C-alpha atoms as a PDB file:
ATOM      1  CA  UNK A   1     124.112 102.461  88.743  1.00  0.00           C
ATOM      2  CA  UNK A   2     125.040  98.907  87.726  1.00  0.00           C
ATOM      3  CA  UNK A   3     122.125  96.474  88.167  1.00  0.00           C
ATOM      4  CA  UNK A   4     124.333  93.884  89.880  1.00  0.00           C
ATOM      5  CA  UNK A   5     125.701  96.443  92.337  1.00  0.00           C
ATOM      6  CA  UNK A   6     122.180  97.737  93.059  1.00  0.00           C
ATOM      7  CA  UNK A   7     121.077  94.133  93.726  1.00  0.00           C
ATOM      8  CA  UNK A   8     124.086  93.622  95.956  1.00  0.00           C
ATOM      9  CA  UNK A   9     123.433  96.717  98.011  1.00  0.00           C
ATOM     10  CA  UNK A  10     119.681  96.227  98.297  1.00  0.00           C
ATOM     11  CA  UNK A  11     120.141  92.543  99.112  1.00  0.00           C
ATOM     12  CA  UNK A  12     122.531  93.305 101.926  1.00  0.00           C
ATOM     13  CA  UNK A  13     120.271  95.988 103.475  1.00  0.00           C
ATOM     14  CA  UNK A  14     117.073  93.974 103.124  1.00  0.00           C
ATOM     15  CA  UNK A  15     118.824  90.843 104.409  1.00  0.00           C
ATOM     16  CA  UNK A  16     120.065  92.702 107.495  1.00  0.00           C
ATOM     17  CA  UNK A  17     116.588  94.051 108.151  1.00  0.00           C
ATOM     18  CA  UNK A  18     115.140  90.581 107.708  1.00  0.00           C
ATOM     19  CA  UNK A  19     117.655  89.133 110.213  1.00  0.00           C
ATOM     20  CA  UNK A  20     116.998  91.952 112.671  1.00  0.00           C
ATOM     21  CA  UNK A  21     113.312  91.077 112.802  1.00  0.00           C
ATOM     22  CA  UNK A  22     114.290  87.878 114.573  1.00  0.00           C
ATOM     23  CA  UNK A  23     114.561  90.031 117.700  1.00  0.00           C
ATOM     24  CA  UNK A  24     110.753  89.768 117.932  1.00  0.00           C
ATOM     25  CA  UNK A  25     111.101  86.049 118.735  1.00  0.00           C
ATOM     26  CA  UNK A  26     112.443  85.890 122.318  1.00  0.00           C
ATOM     27  CA  UNK A  27     113.723  82.252 121.940  1.00  0.00           C
ATOM     28  CA  UNK A  28     116.330  83.233 119.363  1.00  0.00           C
ATOM     29  CA  UNK A  29     117.614  86.486 120.853  1.00  0.00           C
ATOM     30  CA  UNK A  30     120.844  84.787 121.956  1.00  0.00           C
ATOM     31  CA  UNK A  31     121.579  83.906 118.292  1.00  0.00           C
ATOM     32  CA  UNK A  32     121.015  87.355 116.818  1.00  0.00           C
ATOM     33  CA  UNK A  33     124.520  87.831 115.361  1.00  0.00           C
ATOM     34  CA  UNK A  34     124.406  84.547 113.415  1.00  0.00           C
ATOM     35  CA  UNK A  35     120.903  85.216 112.185  1.00  0.00           C
ATOM     36  CA  UNK A  36     121.756  88.700 110.905  1.00  0.00           C
ATOM     37  CA  UNK A  37     124.952  87.530 109.257  1.00  0.00           C
ATOM     38  CA  UNK A  38     123.188  84.591 107.620  1.00  0.00           C
ATOM     39  CA  UNK A  39     120.286  86.762 106.449  1.00  0.00           C
ATOM     40  CA  UNK A  40     122.669  89.308 105.040  1.00  0.00           C
ATOM     41  CA  UNK A  41     124.648  86.673 103.191  1.00  0.00           C
ATOM     42  CA  UNK A  42     121.478  85.243 101.707  1.00  0.00           C
ATOM     43  CA  UNK A  43     120.422  88.737 100.714  1.00  0.00           C
ATOM     44  CA  UNK A  44     123.785  89.360  99.035  1.00  0.00           C
ATOM     45  CA  UNK A  45     123.533  86.120  97.023  1.00  0.00           C
ATOM     46  CA  UNK A  46     119.908  86.774  96.052  1.00  0.00           C
ATOM     47  CA  UNK A  47     120.660  90.414  95.139  1.00  0.00           C
ATOM     48  CA  UNK A  48     123.523  89.451  92.879  1.00  0.00           C
ATOM     49  CA  UNK A  49     121.390  86.717  91.244  1.00  0.00           C
ATOM     50  CA  UNK A  50     118.527  89.215  90.735  1.00  0.00           C
ATOM     51  CA  UNK A  51     120.929  91.817  89.271  1.00  0.00           C
ATOM     52  CA  UNK A  52     122.506  89.320  86.868  1.00  0.00           C
ATOM     53  CA  UNK A  53     119.057  88.182  85.748  1.00  0.00           C
ATOM     54  CA  UNK A  54     117.823  91.746  85.296  1.00  0.00           C
ATOM     55  CA  UNK A  55     120.916  92.628  83.235  1.00  0.00           C
ATOM     56  CA  UNK A  56     120.551  89.485  81.080  1.00  0.00           C
ATOM     57  CA  UNK A  57     116.804  89.957  80.189  1.00  0.00           C
ATOM     58  CA  UNK A  58     116.992  93.769  79.935  1.00  0.00           C
ATOM     59  CA  UNK A  59     113.265  94.043  80.634  1.00  0.00           C
ATOM     60  CA  UNK A  60     111.653  95.741  83.596  1.00  0.00           C
ATOM     61  CA  UNK A  61     108.673  93.370  84.017  1.00  0.00           C
ATOM     62  CA  UNK A  62     110.840  90.268  83.633  1.00  0.00           C
ATOM     63  CA  UNK A  63     113.531  91.762  85.862  1.00  0.00           C
ATOM     64  CA  UNK A  64     110.933  92.356  88.598  1.00  0.00           C
ATOM     65  CA  UNK A  65     109.623  88.782  88.216  1.00  0.00           C
ATOM     66  CA  UNK A  66     113.101  87.339  88.359  1.00  0.00           C
ATOM     67  CA  UNK A  67     113.946  89.475  91.360  1.00  0.00           C
ATOM     68  CA  UNK A  68     111.008  87.952  93.206  1.00  0.00           C
ATOM     69  CA  UNK A  69     111.771  84.345  92.310  1.00  0.00           C
ATOM     70  CA  UNK A  70     115.492  84.312  92.968  1.00  0.00           C
ATOM     71  CA  UNK A  71     115.214  84.807  96.761  1.00  0.00           C
ATOM     72  CA  UNK A  72     112.317  82.355  96.939  1.00  0.00           C
ATOM     73  CA  UNK A  73     114.233  79.493  95.420  1.00  0.00           C
ATOM     74  CA  UNK A  74     117.386  80.387  97.362  1.00  0.00           C
ATOM     75  CA  UNK A  75     115.478  80.262 100.618  1.00  0.00           C
ATOM     76  CA  UNK A  76     113.911  76.940  99.706  1.00  0.00           C
ATOM     77  CA  UNK A  77     117.268  75.494  98.791  1.00  0.00           C
ATOM     78  CA  UNK A  78     118.959  76.780 101.966  1.00  0.00           C
ATOM     79  CA  UNK A  79     116.079  75.467 104.130  1.00  0.00           C
ATOM     80  CA  UNK A  80     116.268  72.021 102.563  1.00  0.00           C
ATOM     81  CA  UNK A  81     120.067  71.768 102.592  1.00  0.00           C
ATOM     82  CA  UNK A  82     120.373  72.902 106.214  1.00  0.00           C
ATOM     83  CA  UNK A  83     117.737  70.538 107.633  1.00  0.00           C
ATOM     84  CA  UNK A  84     119.825  68.517 110.014  1.00  0.00           C
ATOM     85  CA  UNK A  85     117.352  66.163 111.691  1.00  0.00           C
ATOM     86  CA  UNK A  86     115.306  64.921 108.719  1.00  0.00           C
ATOM     87  CA  UNK A  87     113.946  65.932 105.410  1.00  0.00           C
ATOM     88  CA  UNK A  88     110.520  66.418 106.968  1.00  0.00           C
ATOM     89  CA  UNK A  89     111.436  70.052 107.732  1.00  0.00           C
ATOM     90  CA  UNK A  90     111.958  70.635 104.001  1.00  0.00           C
ATOM     91  CA  UNK A  91     108.832  71.898 102.209  1.00  0.00           C
ATOM     92  CA  UNK A  92     109.850  70.093  99.039  1.00  0.00           C
ATOM     93  CA  UNK A  93     110.187  66.720 100.767  1.00  0.00           C
ATOM     94  CA  UNK A  94     106.598  65.825 100.012  1.00  0.00           C
ATOM     95  CA  UNK A  95     106.803  66.851  96.320  1.00  0.00           C
ATOM     96  CA  UNK A  96     108.082  63.454  95.243  1.00  0.00           C
END
């Protein structure tokens, strides 16, 4: 199977599962559809990025490392770019 396609499929499934865990927080149960769609979209993007990186380096250890870092940086970027009230909700705001 193609590495990019595998990343796409795994990203979508894991993103949907990640979004579905929001059900455990009662305050956000009315927003479940948006949370699941957003988490799935983030998983798709991260999965494709991880698949492209794994194909480029052609190394299992580096592919695993890249597959871990892609979603981390994507989540940080999304959190910082979607902060509507202030940059104080962005973890990178205090970095300088």
